[in-house]
Amino acid sequence: MSSKAMKEGFDKAPQRSLLHALGLTNEEIEKPLVGIVSSYNEIVPGHMNLDKITEAVKMGVAMAGGTPIVFPAIAVCDGIAMGHAGMRYSLVTRDLIADSTEAMALAHAFDALVMIPNCDKNVPGLLMAAARINVPTIFVSGGPMLAGRIDGHKTSLSSMFEAVGAYQAGKIDGKKLKEYELNTCPTCGSCSGMYTANSHNCLTEVLGMGLAGNGTIPAVYSKRIELAKHAGMQVMELYRQNIRPRDIMTKEAFHNAVTADMALGCSTNSMLHLPAIANECGIEIDLKKVNEISAKTPNLCHLAPAGPTYIEELDAAGGVYAVLNELDKKGLLYTDVMTCTGKTLKENLVGHINKNPEVIRPIDKPYSQTGGIAVLYGNLAPDGCVVKRSAVAEEMLVHEGPAKVYNSEEEAIKGIFGKEVKAGDVVVIRYEGPAGGPGMREMLSPTSAIAGMGLDKEVALITDGRFSGATRGASIGHVSPEAVSGGTIAYVKDGDLIAIDIPNHTITLKVSEEELAKRREEMPILKKENVTGYLKRYAKLVSSADKGAIINR
């Protein structure tokens, strides 16, 4: 019992007096102390219901013989932070969450932890913390939002951003835009498509750190409350069996997570966060290995924005475990790995069948024989870049066109809405990387502007920033090295031909090495010093270790 270090013995009477100051009884103090890391707040729609999840977890812990004690974790809503200075701070919060949770958990000697995240940086940040702290831990998320409905069609946050583009293009009027605004996000929960938050809540199941349904049971369903109670009870079993995060998050578990990522068609941001989580477990995820896994893994789901189905339908179809059962038919998973149930993945998969082959394609009838994410290499991205292949139209999988270059997201949006971008172009947005941005902002606004103007099947977009899981079309992000580090993307000029070949994992700037060398001598690198404090230190840290745009501690 870790908490013995601060509560047993005559010399710990001062510490016990402070525990009594909390209103804890002797009986509660004598039990294992379970930290409940609640990400509840009143600004993030995915977190506004976490007070109820937290109370349910506390009840489960108490029923199973532990003493639950709540402490907070921060969370940023990427959608609200989009399009202004706030987005520079979003990615940074992942490490802030990991650092602060580690500090709280170890300073107070908790015996076990229940992590309650829901949104983009919160889930990976807490997984990173769990690996560092390494006491028995379980996750239960707040659950996904239900889809909205406009004109009989389901919608999600990406629909809202695309509606802004359609309004700018004159395709819809202000009344229709307002209808989208009032109906696109109808409930609490993480945004309803297979975006970054839901991707990582699903992958938490695959890693073995969350119970079945963690990634898919909608936030407003009572089953979510039941799941939270079961998570609280189960953490006490993990404590009794001394099963810890690093016993669960093994090399084989991360292989399973990357494999499931390919089948589900998860966010490109999983290629930022999975390697960072693995790093905390002493495991390396090589981006070249990702392509090898993708080549063997069929894409089974086309969830929004790649297709017309949503997380609520994935849940009804059998959830993540039903997808894993399909993958297991082809022997693509390590099923002898330990999970938070105290059982192996193989044992957990029993009874989880595919209930809807339209939502989860059978393994022998996939959307494609290769996975939902591809990592591209070439002179434009020697260290790699990432594309959500499953959300790219067939006609854009191979594309060559002239570059239209912008040095910021704001410049690009102005140019797109100003109709500077034409069919066939390759939009290049640079100086948006972790150091160059700084903060590696999401590029959902420009990609949605392109889609809203009806150009998503004719225009590609490349950036050293990153893309939201809500992005669709030939949008290629996380280009590394980034512009501010002297990456090739800094030396692209308007009109340069760029060739993209996603099936063959290549991205090429069609400029000779001699010309590139000349540009490196003549073209200055833009330096941005417009953000102070932690963000500037963070940008400096990641720029010095920028490998394939993987951001590790």
Protein backbone atom coordinates (compact mmCIF):
# COMPACT_ATOMS: atom_id res chain seq x y z
CA MET A 1 0.00 0.00 0.00
CA SER A 2 1.74 3.16 -1.25
CA SER A 3 -0.21 5.33 1.17
CA LYS A 4 1.43 3.64 4.16
CA ALA A 5 4.38 5.94 3.55
CA MET A 6 2.29 8.93 4.64
CA LYS A 7 -0.29 7.50 7.05
CA GLU A 8 1.20 4.72 9.22
CA GLY A 9 3.32 5.04 12.35
CA PHE A 10 3.47 7.51 15.23
CA ASP A 11 5.62 9.86 13.16
CA LYS A 12 2.84 10.21 10.56
CA ALA A 13 0.38 11.65 13.06
CA PRO A 14 0.72 15.12 11.46
CA GLN A 15 -0.20 13.70 8.05
CA ARG A 16 -3.14 11.81 9.56
CA SER A 17 -4.32 15.01 11.24
CA LEU A 18 -4.50 16.65 7.80
CA LEU A 19 -6.47 13.68 6.44
CA HIS A 20 -8.90 14.11 9.35
CA ALA A 21 -9.13 17.77 8.36
CA LEU A 22 -10.66 16.50 5.10
CA GLY A 23 -13.39 14.79 7.13
CA LEU A 24 -11.96 11.32 6.61
CA THR A 25 -12.65 8.80 9.34
CA ASN A 26 -10.13 6.35 10.77
CA GLU A 27 -11.89 3.62 8.80
CA GLU A 28 -11.47 5.52 5.53
CA ILE A 29 -7.84 6.36 6.24
CA GLU A 30 -7.04 2.70 6.88
CA LYS A 31 -8.39 1.65 3.46
CA PRO A 32 -6.47 2.00 0.16
CA LEU A 33 -6.60 5.63 -0.99
CA VAL A 34 -7.78 5.87 -4.59
CA GLY A 35 -7.14 9.10 -6.49
CA ILE A 36 -9.99 10.05 -8.81
CA VAL A 37 -8.52 12.33 -11.49
CA SER A 38 -11.55 14.28 -12.68
CA SER A 39 -11.33 16.48 -15.77
CA TYR A 40 -14.68 18.08 -15.02
CA ASN A 41 -15.11 21.71 -16.04
CA GLU A 42 -17.86 23.99 -17.35
CA ILE A 43 -16.21 25.20 -20.58
CA VAL A 44 -15.60 21.94 -22.47
CA PRO A 45 -18.77 20.18 -23.73
CA GLY A 46 -16.99 16.83 -23.45
CA HIS A 47 -16.32 17.48 -19.77
CA MET A 48 -19.46 19.15 -18.46
CA ASN A 49 -20.93 15.75 -17.52
CA LEU A 50 -17.84 14.44 -15.76
CA ASP A 51 -19.15 15.46 -12.34
CA LYS A 52 -21.74 12.69 -12.71
CA ILE A 53 -19.11 10.23 -13.95
CA THR A 54 -16.89 11.18 -11.00
CA GLU A 55 -19.67 10.55 -8.46
CA ALA A 56 -20.39 7.17 -10.06
CA VAL A 57 -16.71 6.20 -9.93
CA LYS A 58 -16.51 7.25 -6.26
CA MET A 59 -19.50 5.04 -5.49
CA GLY A 60 -17.88 2.10 -7.26
CA VAL A 61 -14.59 2.53 -5.41
CA ALA A 62 -16.37 2.77 -2.04
CA MET A 63 -18.53 -0.28 -2.78
CA ALA A 64 -15.38 -2.29 -3.54
CA GLY A 65 -13.54 -1.28 -0.37
CA GLY A 66 -11.48 1.78 -1.27
CA THR A 67 -11.51 5.40 -0.20
CA PRO A 68 -12.05 7.68 -3.22
CA ILE A 69 -10.42 11.12 -3.18
CA VAL A 70 -10.94 13.51 -6.12
CA PHE A 71 -8.39 15.88 -7.61
CA PRO A 72 -8.59 17.78 -10.91
CA ALA A 73 -6.97 17.74 -14.33
CA ILE A 74 -7.28 20.57 -16.83
CA ALA A 75 -8.70 20.23 -20.33
CA VAL A 76 -9.00 22.49 -23.38
CA CYS A 77 -11.78 22.31 -25.97
CA ASP A 78 -9.96 22.40 -29.31
CA GLY A 79 -13.12 23.50 -31.09
CA ILE A 80 -13.53 26.57 -28.87
CA ALA A 81 -9.78 27.28 -28.97
CA MET A 82 -9.75 27.11 -32.79
CA GLY A 83 -9.05 30.17 -34.87
CA HIS A 84 -7.39 32.41 -32.27
CA ALA A 85 -4.36 32.51 -29.96
CA GLY A 86 -5.88 29.85 -27.70
CA MET A 87 -5.05 27.11 -30.18
CA ARG A 88 -1.34 27.74 -29.59
CA TYR A 89 -1.84 26.44 -26.05
CA SER A 90 -3.90 23.35 -26.79
CA LEU A 91 -1.21 20.77 -27.58
CA VAL A 92 0.95 22.02 -24.72
CA THR A 93 -1.75 21.02 -22.23
CA ARG A 94 -1.07 17.33 -22.88
CA ASP A 95 2.28 17.60 -21.13
CA LEU A 96 0.91 19.94 -18.48
CA ILE A 97 -1.76 17.33 -17.69
CA ALA A 98 0.79 14.53 -17.51
CA ASP A 99 3.19 16.55 -15.35
CA SER A 100 0.60 17.90 -12.92
CA THR A 101 -1.16 14.55 -12.49
CA GLU A 102 2.17 12.84 -11.83
CA ALA A 103 2.98 15.49 -9.23
CA MET A 104 -0.39 15.20 -7.47
CA ALA A 105 -0.48 11.40 -7.43
CA LEU A 106 3.05 10.90 -6.15
CA ALA A 107 2.98 13.80 -3.68
CA HIS A 108 -0.06 12.26 -1.99
CA ALA A 109 0.98 8.60 -2.24
CA PHE A 110 -2.21 7.23 -3.75
CA ASP A 111 -2.54 3.47 -3.86
CA ALA A 112 -4.52 3.41 -7.12
CA LEU A 113 -6.00 5.84 -9.64
CA VAL A 114 -9.10 6.22 -11.78
CA MET A 115 -8.56 8.61 -14.70
CA ILE A 116 -11.66 10.43 -16.01
CA PRO A 117 -10.73 12.22 -19.26
CA ASN A 118 -12.64 12.83 -22.46
CA CYS A 119 -11.07 15.26 -24.91
CA ASP A 120 -8.13 15.56 -27.27
CA LYS A 121 -5.06 16.16 -25.07
CA ASN A 122 -6.65 15.03 -21.84
CA VAL A 123 -6.77 11.32 -22.75
CA PRO A 124 -3.15 10.96 -23.93
CA GLY A 125 -1.91 13.24 -21.15
CA LEU A 126 -3.47 11.04 -18.48
CA LEU A 127 -2.26 7.85 -20.20
CA MET A 128 1.25 9.30 -20.11
CA ALA A 129 0.81 10.10 -16.41
CA ALA A 130 -0.51 6.60 -15.69
CA ALA A 131 2.60 5.07 -17.22
CA ARG A 132 4.91 7.31 -15.17
CA ILE A 133 3.12 6.84 -11.84
CA ASN A 134 2.55 3.10 -12.43
CA VAL A 135 0.13 2.33 -9.62
CA PRO A 136 -3.01 0.26 -10.42
CA THR A 137 -5.05 2.49 -12.74
CA ILE A 138 -8.19 2.34 -14.85
CA PHE A 139 -9.75 4.82 -17.29
CA VAL A 140 -13.36 5.76 -17.85
CA SER A 141 -14.13 8.57 -20.30
CA GLY A 142 -17.13 10.88 -20.39
CA GLY A 143 -18.36 9.42 -23.69
CA PRO A 144 -19.17 10.79 -27.14
CA MET A 145 -21.77 13.39 -28.09
CA LEU A 146 -24.80 12.28 -30.08
CA ALA A 147 -24.81 13.42 -33.69
CA GLY A 148 -26.83 16.46 -34.71
CA ARG A 149 -29.40 16.43 -37.48
CA ILE A 150 -29.90 18.90 -40.33
CA ASP A 151 -32.33 18.24 -43.21
CA GLY A 152 -32.61 14.59 -42.18
CA HIS A 153 -28.83 14.04 -42.20
CA LYS A 154 -26.58 13.49 -39.20
CA THR A 155 -24.00 16.17 -38.49
CA SER A 156 -20.98 16.76 -36.28
CA LEU A 157 -18.57 19.58 -35.51
CA SER A 158 -16.78 19.24 -38.87
CA SER A 159 -20.17 19.84 -40.54
CA MET A 160 -20.32 23.15 -38.67
CA PHE A 161 -16.89 24.28 -39.86
CA GLU A 162 -17.77 23.23 -43.42
CA ALA A 163 -21.03 25.18 -43.17
CA VAL A 164 -18.95 28.31 -42.51
CA GLY A 165 -17.08 27.59 -45.76
CA ALA A 166 -20.35 27.04 -47.61
CA TYR A 167 -21.67 30.35 -46.27
CA GLN A 168 -18.53 32.17 -47.43
CA ALA A 169 -18.93 30.57 -50.85
CA GLY A 170 -22.55 31.74 -51.05
CA LYS A 171 -23.90 28.17 -51.03
CA ILE A 172 -26.03 28.67 -47.91
CA ASP A 173 -27.53 31.78 -46.33
CA GLY A 174 -27.26 33.14 -42.78
CA LYS A 175 -30.50 31.44 -41.71
CA LYS A 176 -29.17 28.00 -42.68
CA LEU A 177 -25.84 28.73 -40.99
CA LYS A 178 -27.75 29.56 -37.78
CA GLU A 179 -29.67 26.29 -38.10
CA TYR A 180 -26.34 24.44 -38.21
CA GLU A 181 -25.11 26.43 -35.21
CA LEU A 182 -28.13 25.47 -33.09
CA ASN A 183 -28.34 21.79 -34.08
CA THR A 184 -24.86 20.47 -34.87
CA CYS A 185 -23.74 19.75 -31.30
CA PRO A 186 -26.94 18.67 -29.50
CA THR A 187 -25.60 17.07 -26.30
CA CYS A 188 -22.64 17.01 -23.96
CA GLY A 189 -19.78 14.65 -24.84
CA SER A 190 -16.72 14.49 -27.05
CA CYS A 191 -17.53 15.50 -30.66
CA SER A 192 -19.52 12.75 -32.34
CA GLY A 193 -17.23 11.56 -35.16
CA MET A 194 -14.00 9.56 -35.11
CA TYR A 195 -12.05 12.65 -34.16
CA THR A 196 -9.04 12.85 -31.86
CA ALA A 197 -10.91 12.51 -28.55
CA ASN A 198 -13.01 9.53 -29.59
CA SER A 199 -10.02 7.96 -31.33
CA HIS A 200 -8.06 7.94 -28.10
CA ASN A 201 -10.99 6.86 -25.95
CA CYS A 202 -11.40 3.87 -28.30
CA LEU A 203 -7.66 3.17 -28.32
CA THR A 204 -7.68 3.25 -24.50
CA GLU A 205 -9.91 0.18 -24.71
CA VAL A 206 -7.52 -1.48 -27.14
CA LEU A 207 -4.50 -0.71 -24.93
CA GLY A 208 -6.34 -2.50 -22.13
CA MET A 209 -6.69 0.55 -19.87
CA GLY A 210 -10.49 0.97 -20.18
CA LEU A 211 -13.45 -1.40 -19.95
CA ALA A 212 -15.50 -2.39 -22.99
CA GLY A 213 -17.64 0.54 -24.11
CA ASN A 214 -15.22 3.18 -22.81
CA GLY A 215 -14.79 4.69 -26.27
CA THR A 216 -18.31 4.35 -27.64
CA ILE A 217 -21.15 4.49 -25.08
CA PRO A 218 -22.72 7.94 -25.62
CA ALA A 219 -22.25 10.51 -22.87
CA VAL A 220 -26.01 10.86 -22.30
CA TYR A 221 -26.72 7.12 -21.93
CA SER A 222 -27.27 5.71 -18.45
CA LYS A 223 -24.97 2.85 -19.44
CA ARG A 224 -22.14 5.40 -19.16
CA ILE A 225 -22.94 5.86 -15.44
CA GLU A 226 -22.99 2.08 -14.98
CA LEU A 227 -19.63 1.83 -16.75
CA ALA A 228 -18.18 4.43 -14.37
CA LYS A 229 -19.37 2.46 -11.32
CA HIS A 230 -17.83 -0.72 -12.74
CA ALA A 231 -14.56 1.13 -13.39
CA GLY A 232 -14.50 2.24 -9.75
CA MET A 233 -15.08 -1.31 -8.59
CA GLN A 234 -12.55 -2.77 -11.00
CA VAL A 235 -9.69 -0.50 -9.92
CA MET A 236 -9.89 -2.20 -6.53
CA GLU A 237 -9.44 -5.57 -8.23
CA LEU A 238 -6.41 -4.20 -10.04
CA TYR A 239 -5.10 -3.00 -6.68
CA ARG A 240 -5.62 -6.40 -5.05
CA GLN A 241 -3.98 -8.22 -7.97
CA ASN A 242 -1.23 -5.57 -8.21
CA ILE A 243 -1.79 -5.12 -11.96
CA ARG A 244 -0.19 -1.85 -13.05
CA PRO A 245 -0.25 0.25 -16.25
CA ARG A 246 3.11 -0.95 -17.49
CA ASP A 247 1.93 -4.55 -17.06
CA ILE A 248 -0.90 -3.67 -19.46
CA MET A 249 0.63 -1.13 -21.86
CA THR A 250 3.25 -3.44 -23.37
CA LYS A 251 4.89 -3.43 -26.79
CA GLU A 252 2.26 -5.92 -27.96
CA ALA A 253 -0.57 -3.72 -26.63
CA PHE A 254 0.73 -0.75 -28.62
CA HIS A 255 0.94 -2.97 -31.72
CA ASN A 256 -2.75 -3.77 -31.14
CA ALA A 257 -3.54 -0.07 -30.73
CA VAL A 258 -1.89 0.88 -34.02
CA THR A 259 -3.66 -2.03 -35.73
CA ALA A 260 -7.06 -0.99 -34.36
CA ASP A 261 -6.27 2.59 -35.34
CA MET A 262 -5.95 1.45 -38.96
CA ALA A 263 -9.19 -0.53 -38.86
CA LEU A 264 -11.20 2.22 -37.18
CA GLY A 265 -9.79 5.08 -39.29
CA CYS A 266 -8.68 7.14 -36.28
CA SER A 267 -7.38 10.70 -36.19
CA THR A 268 -3.94 11.50 -37.59
CA ASN A 269 -3.20 12.91 -34.12
CA SER A 270 -2.87 9.34 -32.87
CA MET A 271 0.51 9.43 -34.60
CA LEU A 272 1.48 12.24 -32.23
CA HIS A 273 0.07 10.78 -29.05
CA LEU A 274 0.54 6.99 -29.24
CA PRO A 275 4.33 7.34 -29.61
CA ALA A 276 4.42 9.77 -26.67
CA ILE A 277 2.42 7.39 -24.46
CA ALA A 278 4.61 4.47 -25.53
CA ASN A 279 7.71 6.53 -24.77
CA GLU A 280 6.58 6.81 -21.13
CA CYS A 281 6.45 3.00 -21.06
CA GLY A 282 9.97 2.72 -22.47
CA ILE A 283 8.64 1.62 -25.87
CA GLU A 284 9.38 3.18 -29.27
CA ILE A 285 6.83 3.40 -32.07
CA ASP A 286 8.62 3.79 -35.38
CA LEU A 287 6.57 5.56 -38.04
CA LYS A 288 7.93 3.19 -40.69
CA LYS A 289 6.50 0.32 -38.62
CA VAL A 290 3.13 2.09 -38.77
CA ASN A 291 3.14 1.72 -42.56
CA GLU A 292 4.00 -1.97 -42.21
CA ILE A 293 1.02 -2.49 -39.89
CA SER A 294 -1.21 -0.46 -42.20
CA ALA A 295 -0.23 -2.62 -45.19
CA LYS A 296 -1.58 -5.69 -43.36
CA THR A 297 -4.65 -4.16 -41.73
CA PRO A 298 -7.94 -3.66 -43.58
CA ASN A 299 -9.89 -0.47 -42.94
CA LEU A 300 -13.26 -1.61 -41.56
CA CYS A 301 -14.97 1.63 -40.48
CA HIS A 302 -15.81 4.87 -42.26
CA LEU A 303 -16.95 6.95 -39.33
CA ALA A 304 -17.46 10.69 -39.70
CA PRO A 305 -15.78 12.61 -41.22
CA ALA A 306 -14.70 9.74 -43.52
CA GLY A 307 -18.26 8.47 -43.89
CA PRO A 308 -21.88 8.90 -42.78
CA THR A 309 -21.78 6.86 -39.53
CA TYR A 310 -21.04 8.11 -36.02
CA ILE A 311 -19.70 6.79 -32.72
CA GLU A 312 -23.21 6.08 -31.43
CA GLU A 313 -23.66 3.69 -34.38
CA LEU A 314 -20.30 2.05 -33.72
CA ASP A 315 -21.50 1.42 -30.18
CA ALA A 316 -24.77 -0.12 -31.37
CA ALA A 317 -22.83 -2.29 -33.85
CA GLY A 318 -20.83 -3.90 -31.05
CA GLY A 319 -18.21 -1.27 -30.28
CA VAL A 320 -14.45 -1.48 -30.32
CA TYR A 321 -14.36 -5.12 -29.24
CA ALA A 322 -16.49 -6.11 -32.24
CA VAL A 323 -13.87 -4.46 -34.48
CA LEU A 324 -11.11 -6.31 -32.62
CA ASN A 325 -12.96 -9.60 -33.12
CA GLU A 326 -12.97 -8.99 -36.88
CA LEU A 327 -9.22 -8.26 -36.79
CA ASP A 328 -8.59 -11.38 -34.74
CA LYS A 329 -10.13 -13.50 -37.51
CA LYS A 330 -7.08 -12.59 -39.58
CA GLY A 331 -4.65 -13.09 -36.69
CA LEU A 332 -3.67 -9.41 -36.62
CA LEU A 333 -3.68 -8.97 -32.84
CA TYR A 334 -1.72 -10.15 -29.82
CA THR A 335 -4.60 -11.52 -27.76
CA ASP A 336 -2.64 -12.89 -24.80
CA VAL A 337 -1.97 -9.39 -23.44
CA MET A 338 -3.22 -8.41 -19.95
CA THR A 339 -6.01 -5.82 -19.61
CA CYS A 340 -7.64 -3.81 -16.83
CA THR A 341 -10.28 -6.52 -16.43
CA GLY A 342 -7.60 -8.78 -14.96
CA LYS A 343 -8.15 -11.00 -18.00
CA THR A 344 -6.43 -11.28 -21.36
CA LEU A 345 -7.74 -9.58 -24.47
CA LYS A 346 -8.69 -13.00 -25.85
CA GLU A 347 -10.92 -13.64 -22.84
CA ASN A 348 -12.46 -10.17 -23.13
CA LEU A 349 -13.39 -10.61 -26.78
CA VAL A 350 -15.74 -13.54 -26.11
CA GLY A 351 -19.31 -12.62 -26.99
CA HIS A 352 -18.54 -9.29 -28.67
CA ILE A 353 -19.90 -9.81 -32.19
CA ASN A 354 -20.35 -7.52 -35.17
CA LYS A 355 -24.03 -6.56 -35.10
CA ASN A 356 -24.02 -4.31 -38.15
CA PRO A 357 -21.77 -5.08 -41.14
CA GLU A 358 -22.68 -1.71 -42.67
CA VAL A 359 -21.00 0.11 -39.77
CA ILE A 360 -18.22 -2.41 -39.11
CA ARG A 361 -17.27 -4.10 -42.36
CA PRO A 362 -16.47 -7.82 -42.07
CA ILE A 363 -12.76 -8.58 -42.36
CA ASP A 364 -13.24 -10.13 -45.81
CA LYS A 365 -15.25 -7.13 -47.14
CA PRO A 366 -13.31 -4.05 -45.94
CA TYR A 367 -13.43 -0.53 -47.28
CA SER A 368 -9.82 -1.04 -48.26
CA GLN A 369 -7.19 -3.73 -47.75
CA THR A 370 -4.89 -1.21 -46.07
CA GLY A 371 -5.32 0.90 -42.96
CA GLY A 372 -6.89 4.29 -42.33
CA ILE A 373 -3.60 6.19 -41.80
CA ALA A 374 -0.53 6.47 -44.02
CA VAL A 375 2.87 7.99 -43.30
CA LEU A 376 4.46 9.63 -46.36
CA TYR A 377 8.15 10.32 -47.00
CA GLY A 378 10.06 12.33 -49.57
CA ASN A 379 12.18 15.41 -50.00
CA LEU A 380 9.33 17.55 -48.66
CA ALA A 381 9.09 15.41 -45.49
CA PRO A 382 12.27 13.36 -44.98
CA ASP A 383 11.24 12.58 -41.38
CA GLY A 384 7.67 11.81 -42.39
CA CYS A 385 4.19 13.30 -42.51
CA VAL A 386 0.75 11.84 -41.83
CA VAL A 387 -2.51 11.59 -43.77
CA LYS A 388 -5.88 10.08 -42.83
CA ARG A 389 -6.04 7.91 -45.91
CA SER A 390 -9.54 6.62 -45.16
CA ALA A 391 -10.94 10.18 -45.42
CA VAL A 392 -9.31 10.93 -48.80
CA ALA A 393 -11.44 10.67 -51.95
CA GLU A 394 -10.27 8.03 -54.41
CA GLU A 395 -9.43 10.63 -57.04
CA MET A 396 -7.08 12.44 -54.63
CA LEU A 397 -5.00 9.47 -53.49
CA VAL A 398 -2.56 10.37 -56.25
CA HIS A 399 -2.34 14.07 -57.02
CA GLU A 400 0.11 16.52 -58.56
CA GLY A 401 -0.40 20.25 -58.64
CA PRO A 402 1.11 23.71 -58.20
CA ALA A 403 1.84 24.98 -54.70
CA LYS A 404 -0.08 27.88 -53.20
CA VAL A 405 2.03 28.92 -50.21
CA TYR A 406 0.95 30.64 -46.99
CA ASN A 407 3.02 31.40 -43.90
CA SER A 408 0.19 31.07 -41.39
CA GLU A 409 -3.27 29.61 -40.97
CA GLU A 410 -4.82 33.09 -41.04
CA GLU A 411 -3.17 33.88 -44.39
CA ALA A 412 -4.43 30.60 -45.81
CA ILE A 413 -8.04 31.08 -44.70
CA LYS A 414 -8.06 34.58 -46.16
CA GLY A 415 -6.67 33.23 -49.43
CA ILE A 416 -9.14 30.34 -49.60
CA PHE A 417 -12.15 32.55 -48.94
CA GLY A 418 -10.67 35.14 -51.32
CA LYS A 419 -10.80 32.46 -54.04
CA GLU A 420 -7.02 32.51 -54.58
CA VAL A 421 -7.04 28.69 -54.41
CA LYS A 422 -8.09 26.90 -57.59
CA ALA A 423 -8.94 23.30 -58.44
CA GLY A 424 -5.76 21.24 -58.73
CA ASP A 425 -3.73 23.40 -56.32
CA VAL A 426 -1.70 22.12 -53.38
CA VAL A 427 -2.12 24.56 -50.49
CA VAL A 428 1.00 24.75 -48.29
CA ILE A 429 0.63 26.21 -44.77
CA ARG A 430 3.94 26.50 -42.96
CA TYR A 431 5.38 28.01 -39.77
CA GLU A 432 2.62 26.25 -37.83
CA GLY A 433 4.78 23.50 -36.29
CA PRO A 434 5.47 22.97 -32.57
CA ALA A 435 8.26 25.59 -32.54
CA GLY A 436 7.35 27.65 -35.58
CA GLY A 437 3.70 28.23 -34.67
CA PRO A 438 4.47 27.98 -31.87
CA GLY A 439 2.17 25.31 -30.51
CA MET A 440 1.38 23.21 -33.62
CA ARG A 441 -2.17 24.48 -34.12
CA GLU A 442 -4.89 22.36 -35.68
CA MET A 443 -5.76 23.25 -39.27
CA LEU A 444 -9.47 22.36 -39.17
CA SER A 445 -10.56 25.84 -40.27
CA PRO A 446 -8.67 25.87 -43.59
CA THR A 447 -9.48 22.24 -44.42
CA SER A 448 -13.15 22.87 -43.66
CA ALA A 449 -13.08 26.05 -45.74
CA ILE A 450 -11.78 24.01 -48.69
CA ALA A 451 -14.50 21.37 -48.14
CA GLY A 452 -17.22 23.97 -47.63
CA MET A 453 -16.30 25.57 -50.94
CA GLY A 454 -16.58 22.20 -52.67
CA LEU A 455 -12.85 21.81 -53.40
CA ASP A 456 -12.02 18.89 -51.10
CA LYS A 457 -11.86 16.47 -54.05
CA GLU A 458 -9.72 18.83 -56.13
CA VAL A 459 -7.32 20.56 -53.72
CA ALA A 460 -4.67 19.06 -51.43
CA LEU A 461 -3.37 20.75 -48.28
CA ILE A 462 0.04 20.27 -46.65
CA THR A 463 1.20 21.75 -43.34
CA ASP A 464 3.87 21.46 -40.68
CA GLY A 465 1.02 22.10 -38.23
CA ARG A 466 -1.41 19.33 -37.42
CA PHE A 467 -4.87 18.29 -38.43
CA SER A 468 -7.93 17.68 -36.35
CA GLY A 469 -9.46 14.22 -36.45
CA ALA A 470 -12.39 16.05 -38.04
CA THR A 471 -10.33 16.74 -41.17
CA ARG A 472 -11.20 15.04 -44.43
CA GLY A 473 -9.83 15.24 -47.96
CA ALA A 474 -6.18 15.13 -49.09
CA SER A 475 -4.93 16.95 -46.01
CA ILE A 476 -1.37 16.02 -45.09
CA GLY A 477 -0.01 17.24 -41.78
CA HIS A 478 2.75 16.97 -39.19
CA VAL A 479 5.32 17.57 -41.98
CA SER A 480 8.78 17.14 -40.47
CA PRO A 481 11.21 18.81 -40.17
CA GLU A 482 9.03 21.88 -39.74
CA ALA A 483 9.76 25.14 -41.56
CA VAL A 484 11.33 26.96 -38.62
CA SER A 485 13.82 24.08 -38.23
CA GLY A 486 14.93 24.46 -41.85
CA GLY A 487 12.68 21.76 -43.29
CA THR A 488 12.15 21.71 -47.06
CA ILE A 489 8.64 23.09 -46.57
CA ALA A 490 10.26 26.47 -45.73
CA TYR A 491 11.63 26.74 -49.27
CA VAL A 492 8.54 25.93 -51.34
CA LYS A 493 7.50 28.73 -53.72
CA ASP A 494 4.16 29.47 -55.36
CA GLY A 495 3.82 27.39 -58.52
CA ASP A 496 6.28 24.63 -57.54
CA LEU A 497 4.88 21.25 -58.50
CA ILE A 498 4.16 18.88 -55.58
CA ALA A 499 3.44 15.21 -56.23
CA ILE A 500 1.47 13.20 -53.65
CA ASP A 501 1.20 9.41 -53.93
CA ILE A 502 -0.56 8.08 -50.84
CA PRO A 503 -0.66 4.39 -51.90
CA ASN A 504 3.12 4.46 -52.37
CA HIS A 505 3.74 6.65 -49.29
CA THR A 506 5.58 9.43 -51.14
CA ILE A 507 5.44 13.21 -51.16
CA THR A 508 7.79 15.05 -53.52
CA LEU A 509 8.60 18.66 -54.20
CA LYS A 510 9.58 18.66 -57.88
CA VAL A 511 12.51 21.01 -57.51
CA SER A 512 16.13 20.01 -58.16
CA GLU A 513 18.59 19.63 -55.29
CA GLU A 514 20.65 22.43 -56.83
CA GLU A 515 17.69 24.80 -56.77
CA LEU A 516 16.83 23.80 -53.20
CA ALA A 517 20.41 24.43 -52.09
CA LYS A 518 20.25 27.88 -53.70
CA ARG A 519 16.97 28.68 -51.93
CA ARG A 520 18.42 27.59 -48.59
CA GLU A 521 21.13 30.22 -49.05
CA GLU A 522 18.81 32.97 -50.25
CA MET A 523 15.49 32.49 -48.40
CA PRO A 524 15.35 33.53 -44.73
CA ILE A 525 13.69 31.37 -42.06
CA LEU A 526 10.90 33.20 -40.26
CA LYS A 527 11.33 33.32 -36.50
CA LYS A 528 8.30 33.85 -34.29
CA GLU A 529 8.73 35.19 -30.76
CA ASN A 530 5.14 36.12 -30.05
CA VAL A 531 4.38 33.77 -27.17
CA THR A 532 6.01 33.76 -23.75
CA GLY A 533 6.32 31.49 -20.74
CA TYR A 534 5.77 27.75 -20.78
CA LEU A 535 4.72 27.63 -24.42
CA LYS A 536 8.00 29.13 -25.62
CA ARG A 537 10.03 26.69 -23.50
CA TYR A 538 7.89 23.82 -24.79
CA ALA A 539 8.38 24.88 -28.42
CA LYS A 540 12.13 24.99 -27.91
CA LEU A 541 12.08 21.52 -26.32
CA VAL A 542 10.13 19.82 -29.08
CA SER A 543 12.02 21.54 -31.90
CA SER A 544 15.26 20.08 -30.59
CA ALA A 545 13.82 16.57 -30.66
CA ASP A 546 11.56 16.79 -33.70
CA LYS A 547 11.48 13.32 -35.25
CA GLY A 548 8.57 12.70 -37.54
CA ALA A 549 6.71 15.38 -35.55
CA ILE A 550 6.45 12.97 -32.60
CA ILE A 551 6.29 15.06 -29.48
CA ASN A 552 7.69 13.27 -26.45
CA ARG A 553 8.38 14.48 -22.98
